[in-house]
Amino acid sequence: MLEVYKLTLGQLNTNCYIFYSKASRHCVIIDPADEANLIYEKIDLLNLKPRLIVATHGHFDHIQAATELKLFYKIPFYLHKKDLFLLRHFRKSAIRFTQIDPGPAPEVDGFFDKRIAFDEIELDVIETPGHTPGSVSFYSKKTRRIFSGDLLFYGGGVGRYDFSYCDKNKLFRSIKKILSLSEETLIYPGHGEETNVSYEQKFHKNSRQDNV
């Protein structure tokens, strides 16, 4: 059986997800937002064995704990290669938004293929650009769960597309892609509460996504 545990961390209340197998106790850490000590504590409490750290995109508030976690557990950190440029702005962005210097950006150990798989854990890596060029979503077909980062939020909210590197048209096409999954698919966003495809379809049915 596969389970999800959510931690909401940092000044921007970013969601970090621990996706794990109850049988093997192996897990993937998705979006290591901040406060590595709280992530350690939960992993220890659940008696889990981390295998990989992944990020839905390269914004600082989704990766601040990556360095500590990868060094502590001696596991790799993966990011889409199209978001590597954001790491150059990691430190400056964190100071601007939180007034705290997080230190150097984490080093990326690898890039995504189409799937993350080990033991019974399988996650399809779906490219969902728009918020950033390299935004991805992680989809568990077996459990009908998707970790969507800052693509969309509960109640019809969508990710920011006002930065110079964003693409509004791609964002809405990505949303359309996610909302074409089965209606009972649970959506775990980068901020806020969980939702599902059926509920979000109501908000996006007549939205701009149908025309892009």
C-alpha atoms as a PDB file:
ATOM      1  CA  MET A   1       0.000   0.000   0.000  1.00  0.00           C
ATOM      2  CA  LEU A   2       1.198   3.493  -0.821  1.00  0.00           C
ATOM      3  CA  GLU A   3       0.603   6.451   1.479  1.00  0.00           C
ATOM      4  CA  VAL A   4       1.160  10.227   1.491  1.00  0.00           C
ATOM      5  CA  TYR A   5       2.129  12.471   4.376  1.00  0.00           C
ATOM      6  CA  LYS A   6       2.028  16.256   3.982  1.00  0.00           C
ATOM      7  CA  LEU A   7       4.111  18.862   5.787  1.00  0.00           C
ATOM      8  CA  THR A   8       3.434  22.572   5.265  1.00  0.00           C
ATOM      9  CA  LEU A   9       6.717  24.400   5.751  1.00  0.00           C
ATOM     10  CA  GLY A  10       8.469  27.751   5.598  1.00  0.00           C
ATOM     11  CA  GLN A  11       7.244  31.319   5.453  1.00  0.00           C
ATOM     12  CA  LEU A  12       5.404  30.699   2.174  1.00  0.00           C
ATOM     13  CA  ASN A  13       3.518  27.684   3.591  1.00  0.00           C
ATOM     14  CA  THR A  14       4.792  25.343   0.905  1.00  0.00           C
ATOM     15  CA  ASN A  15       3.654  21.737   0.891  1.00  0.00           C
ATOM     16  CA  CYS A  16       6.269  18.998   1.131  1.00  0.00           C
ATOM     17  CA  TYR A  17       5.000  15.475   0.488  1.00  0.00           C
ATOM     18  CA  ILE A  18       6.452  12.179   1.642  1.00  0.00           C
ATOM     19  CA  PHE A  19       5.201   9.417  -0.672  1.00  0.00           C
ATOM     20  CA  TYR A  20       5.987   6.023   0.777  1.00  0.00           C
ATOM     21  CA  SER A  21       5.419   2.282   0.666  1.00  0.00           C
ATOM     22  CA  LYS A  22       3.980   0.784   3.844  1.00  0.00           C
ATOM     23  CA  ALA A  23       5.549  -2.552   2.916  1.00  0.00           C
ATOM     24  CA  SER A  24       9.171  -1.575   2.202  1.00  0.00           C
ATOM     25  CA  ARG A  25       9.110   1.764   4.119  1.00  0.00           C
ATOM     26  CA  HIS A  26      10.979   3.368   1.208  1.00  0.00           C
ATOM     27  CA  CYS A  27       9.914   6.881   0.267  1.00  0.00           C
ATOM     28  CA  VAL A  28      10.302   9.785  -2.128  1.00  0.00           C
ATOM     29  CA  ILE A  29      10.506  13.319  -0.726  1.00  0.00           C
ATOM     30  CA  ILE A  30       8.588  15.668  -3.028  1.00  0.00           C
ATOM     31  CA  ASP A  31       9.305  19.413  -2.803  1.00  0.00           C
ATOM     32  CA  PRO A  32      11.618  19.662   0.239  1.00  0.00           C
ATOM     33  CA  ALA A  33      10.344  23.131   1.028  1.00  0.00           C
ATOM     34  CA  ASP A  34      12.138  24.191   4.217  1.00  0.00           C
ATOM     35  CA  GLU A  35      12.680  23.232   7.860  1.00  0.00           C
ATOM     36  CA  ALA A  36      14.641  20.052   7.223  1.00  0.00           C
ATOM     37  CA  ASN A  37      14.442  19.165  10.924  1.00  0.00           C
ATOM     38  CA  LEU A  38      10.666  18.722  10.691  1.00  0.00           C
ATOM     39  CA  ILE A  39      11.055  16.487   7.639  1.00  0.00           C
ATOM     40  CA  TYR A  40      13.670  14.391   9.480  1.00  0.00           C
ATOM     41  CA  GLU A  41      11.352  14.031  12.479  1.00  0.00           C
ATOM     42  CA  LYS A  42       8.418  12.818  10.424  1.00  0.00           C
ATOM     43  CA  ILE A  43      10.526  10.376   8.400  1.00  0.00           C
ATOM     44  CA  ASP A  44      11.982   9.007  11.630  1.00  0.00           C
ATOM     45  CA  LEU A  45       8.552   8.757  13.268  1.00  0.00           C
ATOM     46  CA  LEU A  46       7.201   6.833  10.291  1.00  0.00           C
ATOM     47  CA  ASN A  47      10.346   4.667  10.200  1.00  0.00           C
ATOM     48  CA  LEU A  48      10.947   5.437   6.529  1.00  0.00           C
ATOM     49  CA  LYS A  49      13.968   5.074   4.267  1.00  0.00           C
ATOM     50  CA  PRO A  50      14.286   7.948   1.759  1.00  0.00           C
ATOM     51  CA  ARG A  51      15.497   6.977  -1.704  1.00  0.00           C
ATOM     52  CA  LEU A  52      15.139  10.168  -3.721  1.00  0.00           C
ATOM     53  CA  ILE A  53      14.363  13.890  -3.434  1.00  0.00           C
ATOM     54  CA  VAL A  54      12.437  15.501  -6.291  1.00  0.00           C
ATOM     55  CA  ALA A  55      11.046  18.963  -6.981  1.00  0.00           C
ATOM     56  CA  THR A  56       8.043  19.915  -9.090  1.00  0.00           C
ATOM     57  CA  HIS A  57       9.908  23.069 -10.117  1.00  0.00           C
ATOM     58  CA  GLY A  58      12.882  25.216  -9.218  1.00  0.00           C
ATOM     59  CA  HIS A  59      11.415  28.018  -7.099  1.00  0.00           C
ATOM     60  CA  PHE A  60      13.332  28.515  -3.858  1.00  0.00           C
ATOM     61  CA  ASP A  61      10.393  27.825  -1.549  1.00  0.00           C
ATOM     62  CA  HIS A  62      10.105  24.267  -2.898  1.00  0.00           C
ATOM     63  CA  ILE A  63      13.768  23.262  -2.477  1.00  0.00           C
ATOM     64  CA  GLN A  64      15.246  25.013   0.557  1.00  0.00           C
ATOM     65  CA  ALA A  65      15.748  21.798   2.545  1.00  0.00           C
ATOM     66  CA  ALA A  66      17.154  19.802  -0.379  1.00  0.00           C
ATOM     67  CA  THR A  67      20.838  20.224   0.496  1.00  0.00           C
ATOM     68  CA  GLU A  68      20.456  19.171   4.128  1.00  0.00           C
ATOM     69  CA  LEU A  69      18.322  16.180   3.247  1.00  0.00           C
ATOM     70  CA  LYS A  70      20.516  14.883   0.434  1.00  0.00           C
ATOM     71  CA  LEU A  71      23.638  15.132   2.593  1.00  0.00           C
ATOM     72  CA  PHE A  72      22.002  13.542   5.622  1.00  0.00           C
ATOM     73  CA  TYR A  73      20.419  10.628   3.770  1.00  0.00           C
ATOM     74  CA  LYS A  74      23.079  10.398   1.032  1.00  0.00           C
ATOM     75  CA  ILE A  75      20.451  10.370  -1.694  1.00  0.00           C
ATOM     76  CA  PRO A  76      20.155  12.317  -4.971  1.00  0.00           C
ATOM     77  CA  PHE A  77      18.110  15.410  -5.754  1.00  0.00           C
ATOM     78  CA  TYR A  78      16.368  15.646  -9.139  1.00  0.00           C
ATOM     79  CA  LEU A  79      14.979  18.656 -10.972  1.00  0.00           C
ATOM     80  CA  HIS A  80      13.877  19.251 -14.572  1.00  0.00           C
ATOM     81  CA  LYS A  81      16.815  20.606 -16.563  1.00  0.00           C
ATOM     82  CA  LYS A  82      14.727  23.501 -17.912  1.00  0.00           C
ATOM     83  CA  ASP A  83      14.512  24.917 -14.379  1.00  0.00           C
ATOM     84  CA  LEU A  84      18.252  24.875 -13.689  1.00  0.00           C
ATOM     85  CA  PHE A  85      18.453  28.600 -14.454  1.00  0.00           C
ATOM     86  CA  LEU A  86      16.247  29.315 -11.429  1.00  0.00           C
ATOM     87  CA  LEU A  87      18.977  28.045  -9.121  1.00  0.00           C
ATOM     88  CA  ARG A  88      21.049  31.091 -10.073  1.00  0.00           C
ATOM     89  CA  HIS A  89      18.353  33.214  -8.440  1.00  0.00           C
ATOM     90  CA  PHE A  90      17.753  30.889  -5.468  1.00  0.00           C
ATOM     91  CA  ARG A  91      19.573  32.883  -2.822  1.00  0.00           C
ATOM     92  CA  LYS A  92      18.470  36.318  -4.021  1.00  0.00           C
ATOM     93  CA  SER A  93      14.824  35.248  -4.287  1.00  0.00           C
ATOM     94  CA  ALA A  94      14.791  33.709  -0.817  1.00  0.00           C
ATOM     95  CA  ILE A  95      16.235  36.857   0.746  1.00  0.00           C
ATOM     96  CA  ARG A  96      13.751  39.025  -1.148  1.00  0.00           C
ATOM     97  CA  PHE A  97      10.677  37.061  -0.080  1.00  0.00           C
ATOM     98  CA  THR A  98      11.708  35.856   3.404  1.00  0.00           C
ATOM     99  CA  GLN A  99      14.516  38.225   4.504  1.00  0.00           C
ATOM    100  CA  ILE A 100      16.540  35.103   5.365  1.00  0.00           C
ATOM    101  CA  ASP A 101      19.707  33.964   3.599  1.00  0.00           C
ATOM    102  CA  PRO A 102      19.349  30.212   2.895  1.00  0.00           C
ATOM    103  CA  GLY A 103      22.911  29.791   1.688  1.00  0.00           C
ATOM    104  CA  PRO A 104      23.889  28.339  -1.696  1.00  0.00           C
ATOM    105  CA  ALA A 105      21.386  26.650  -3.976  1.00  0.00           C
ATOM    106  CA  PRO A 106      21.247  22.843  -3.813  1.00  0.00           C
ATOM    107  CA  GLU A 107      23.249  20.885  -6.353  1.00  0.00           C
ATOM    108  CA  VAL A 108      21.192  18.842  -8.779  1.00  0.00           C
ATOM    109  CA  ASP A 109      22.270  15.216  -9.112  1.00  0.00           C
ATOM    110  CA  GLY A 110      20.069  14.154 -11.997  1.00  0.00           C
ATOM    111  CA  PHE A 111      17.250  14.949 -14.366  1.00  0.00           C
ATOM    112  CA  PHE A 112      13.907  13.294 -14.869  1.00  0.00           C
ATOM    113  CA  ASP A 113      13.149  10.473 -17.203  1.00  0.00           C
ATOM    114  CA  LYS A 114       9.512   9.599 -17.865  1.00  0.00           C
ATOM    115  CA  ARG A 115       9.120   7.605 -14.682  1.00  0.00           C
ATOM    116  CA  ILE A 116      10.392   7.245 -11.131  1.00  0.00           C
ATOM    117  CA  ALA A 117      10.215   3.621 -10.061  1.00  0.00           C
ATOM    118  CA  PHE A 118      11.560   1.484  -7.227  1.00  0.00           C
ATOM    119  CA  ASP A 119       9.912  -1.215  -5.131  1.00  0.00           C
ATOM    120  CA  GLU A 120       6.165  -0.667  -5.475  1.00  0.00           C
ATOM    121  CA  ILE A 121       6.571   3.096  -5.893  1.00  0.00           C
ATOM    122  CA  GLU A 122       5.900   4.265  -9.435  1.00  0.00           C
ATOM    123  CA  LEU A 123       5.448   7.897 -10.426  1.00  0.00           C
ATOM    124  CA  ASP A 124       4.978   9.086 -13.987  1.00  0.00           C
ATOM    125  CA  VAL A 125       6.751  12.390 -14.614  1.00  0.00           C
ATOM    126  CA  ILE A 126       4.345  14.604 -16.559  1.00  0.00           C
ATOM    127  CA  GLU A 127       5.699  17.832 -18.029  1.00  0.00           C
ATOM    128  CA  THR A 128       3.354  20.649 -16.993  1.00  0.00           C
ATOM    129  CA  PRO A 129       5.140  23.897 -17.947  1.00  0.00           C
ATOM    130  CA  GLY A 130       3.781  27.397 -17.643  1.00  0.00           C
ATOM    131  CA  HIS A 131       4.481  28.467 -14.083  1.00  0.00           C
ATOM    132  CA  THR A 132       8.104  27.702 -14.885  1.00  0.00           C
ATOM    133  CA  PRO A 133       9.597  26.188 -18.051  1.00  0.00           C
ATOM    134  CA  GLY A 134      10.517  22.964 -16.258  1.00  0.00           C
ATOM    135  CA  SER A 135       7.465  22.449 -14.058  1.00  0.00           C
ATOM    136  CA  VAL A 136       6.454  18.810 -13.749  1.00  0.00           C
ATOM    137  CA  SER A 137       3.758  16.817 -11.984  1.00  0.00           C
ATOM    138  CA  PHE A 138       4.244  13.388 -10.444  1.00  0.00           C
ATOM    139  CA  TYR A 139       1.386  10.968 -11.093  1.00  0.00           C
ATOM    140  CA  SER A 140       0.754   7.716  -9.278  1.00  0.00           C
ATOM    141  CA  LYS A 141      -1.504   5.770 -11.606  1.00  0.00           C
ATOM    142  CA  LYS A 142      -1.777   2.968  -9.072  1.00  0.00           C
ATOM    143  CA  THR A 143      -3.291   5.218  -6.391  1.00  0.00           C
ATOM    144  CA  ARG A 144      -4.731   7.941  -8.669  1.00  0.00           C
ATOM    145  CA  ARG A 145      -2.809  10.720  -7.002  1.00  0.00           C
ATOM    146  CA  ILE A 146      -0.943  13.586  -8.644  1.00  0.00           C
ATOM    147  CA  PHE A 147       1.538  16.018  -7.083  1.00  0.00           C
ATOM    148  CA  SER A 148       1.089  19.150  -9.187  1.00  0.00           C
ATOM    149  CA  GLY A 149       3.359  21.791  -7.647  1.00  0.00           C
ATOM    150  CA  ASP A 150       2.187  25.331  -8.389  1.00  0.00           C
ATOM    151  CA  LEU A 151       0.170  24.435 -11.470  1.00  0.00           C
ATOM    152  CA  LEU A 152      -3.274  24.770  -9.905  1.00  0.00           C
ATOM    153  CA  PHE A 153      -4.810  25.134  -6.468  1.00  0.00           C
ATOM    154  CA  TYR A 154      -7.989  24.227  -4.622  1.00  0.00           C
ATOM    155  CA  GLY A 155     -11.096  26.033  -5.846  1.00  0.00           C
ATOM    156  CA  GLY A 156      -9.950  27.064  -9.315  1.00  0.00           C
ATOM    157  CA  GLY A 157      -6.714  28.816  -8.386  1.00  0.00           C
ATOM    158  CA  VAL A 158      -3.784  28.722 -10.805  1.00  0.00           C
ATOM    159  CA  GLY A 159      -0.065  29.280 -10.520  1.00  0.00           C
ATOM    160  CA  ARG A 160       1.535  32.653 -11.177  1.00  0.00           C
ATOM    161  CA  TYR A 161       2.366  33.415 -14.786  1.00  0.00           C
ATOM    162  CA  ASP A 162       3.575  37.009 -14.467  1.00  0.00           C
ATOM    163  CA  PHE A 163       7.314  36.331 -14.328  1.00  0.00           C
ATOM    164  CA  SER A 164       9.310  36.873 -17.511  1.00  0.00           C
ATOM    165  CA  TYR A 165       9.942  33.148 -17.965  1.00  0.00           C
ATOM    166  CA  CYS A 166       6.308  32.095 -17.441  1.00  0.00           C
ATOM    167  CA  ASP A 167       3.952  31.157 -20.243  1.00  0.00           C
ATOM    168  CA  LYS A 168       0.229  31.669 -19.659  1.00  0.00           C
ATOM    169  CA  ASN A 169      -0.843  29.591 -22.639  1.00  0.00           C
ATOM    170  CA  LYS A 170       1.340  26.670 -21.602  1.00  0.00           C
ATOM    171  CA  LEU A 171       0.041  26.925 -18.038  1.00  0.00           C
ATOM    172  CA  PHE A 172      -3.570  26.519 -19.118  1.00  0.00           C
ATOM    173  CA  ARG A 173      -2.677  23.722 -21.513  1.00  0.00           C
ATOM    174  CA  SER A 174      -0.944  21.956 -18.623  1.00  0.00           C
ATOM    175  CA  ILE A 175      -4.007  22.390 -16.429  1.00  0.00           C
ATOM    176  CA  LYS A 176      -6.149  20.930 -19.188  1.00  0.00           C
ATOM    177  CA  LYS A 177      -3.803  17.946 -19.373  1.00  0.00           C
ATOM    178  CA  ILE A 178      -4.105  17.270 -15.631  1.00  0.00           C
ATOM    179  CA  LEU A 179      -7.868  17.718 -15.630  1.00  0.00           C
ATOM    180  CA  SER A 180      -8.188  15.086 -18.357  1.00  0.00           C
ATOM    181  CA  LEU A 181      -7.216  12.407 -15.825  1.00  0.00           C
ATOM    182  CA  SER A 182      -9.916  10.310 -14.195  1.00  0.00           C
ATOM    183  CA  GLU A 183     -12.337  12.422 -12.154  1.00  0.00           C
ATOM    184  CA  GLU A 184     -11.489  10.737  -8.855  1.00  0.00           C
ATOM    185  CA  THR A 185      -7.775  11.577  -9.157  1.00  0.00           C
ATOM    186  CA  LEU A 186      -6.585  13.371  -6.026  1.00  0.00           C
ATOM    187  CA  ILE A 187      -4.524  16.520  -6.615  1.00  0.00           C
ATOM    188  CA  TYR A 188      -1.812  17.490  -4.130  1.00  0.00           C
ATOM    189  CA  PRO A 189      -0.787  21.101  -4.867  1.00  0.00           C
ATOM    190  CA  GLY A 190       2.287  23.053  -3.818  1.00  0.00           C
ATOM    191  CA  HIS A 191       0.248  25.282  -1.505  1.00  0.00           C
ATOM    192  CA  GLY A 192      -3.092  24.924   0.213  1.00  0.00           C
ATOM    193  CA  GLU A 193      -5.343  21.929   0.605  1.00  0.00           C
ATOM    194  CA  GLU A 194      -5.832  18.865  -1.545  1.00  0.00           C
ATOM    195  CA  THR A 195      -8.497  18.725  -4.222  1.00  0.00           C
ATOM    196  CA  ASN A 196      -9.543  16.377  -7.024  1.00  0.00           C
ATOM    197  CA  VAL A 197     -10.009  16.442 -10.788  1.00  0.00           C
ATOM    198  CA  SER A 198     -13.812  16.332 -10.655  1.00  0.00           C
ATOM    199  CA  TYR A 199     -14.020  19.355  -8.354  1.00  0.00           C
ATOM    200  CA  GLU A 200     -11.526  21.453 -10.303  1.00  0.00           C
ATOM    201  CA  GLN A 201     -13.189  20.701 -13.646  1.00  0.00           C
ATOM    202  CA  LYS A 202     -16.142  22.806 -12.471  1.00  0.00           C
ATOM    203  CA  PHE A 203     -13.931  25.890 -12.230  1.00  0.00           C
ATOM    204  CA  HIS A 204     -11.996  25.346 -15.445  1.00  0.00           C
ATOM    205  CA  LYS A 205     -14.794  24.063 -17.671  1.00  0.00           C
ATOM    206  CA  ASN A 206     -15.304  27.392 -19.439  1.00  0.00           C
ATOM    207  CA  SER A 207     -11.926  28.881 -18.657  1.00  0.00           C
ATOM    208  CA  ARG A 208      -9.341  30.155 -21.068  1.00  0.00           C
ATOM    209  CA  GLN A 209      -7.751  26.704 -21.267  1.00  0.00           C
ATOM    210  CA  ASP A 210     -10.373  25.618 -23.828  1.00  0.00           C
ATOM    211  CA  ASN A 211      -9.127  28.253 -26.259  1.00  0.00           C
ATOM    212  CA  VAL A 212      -5.373  27.803 -26.088  1.00  0.00           C
END
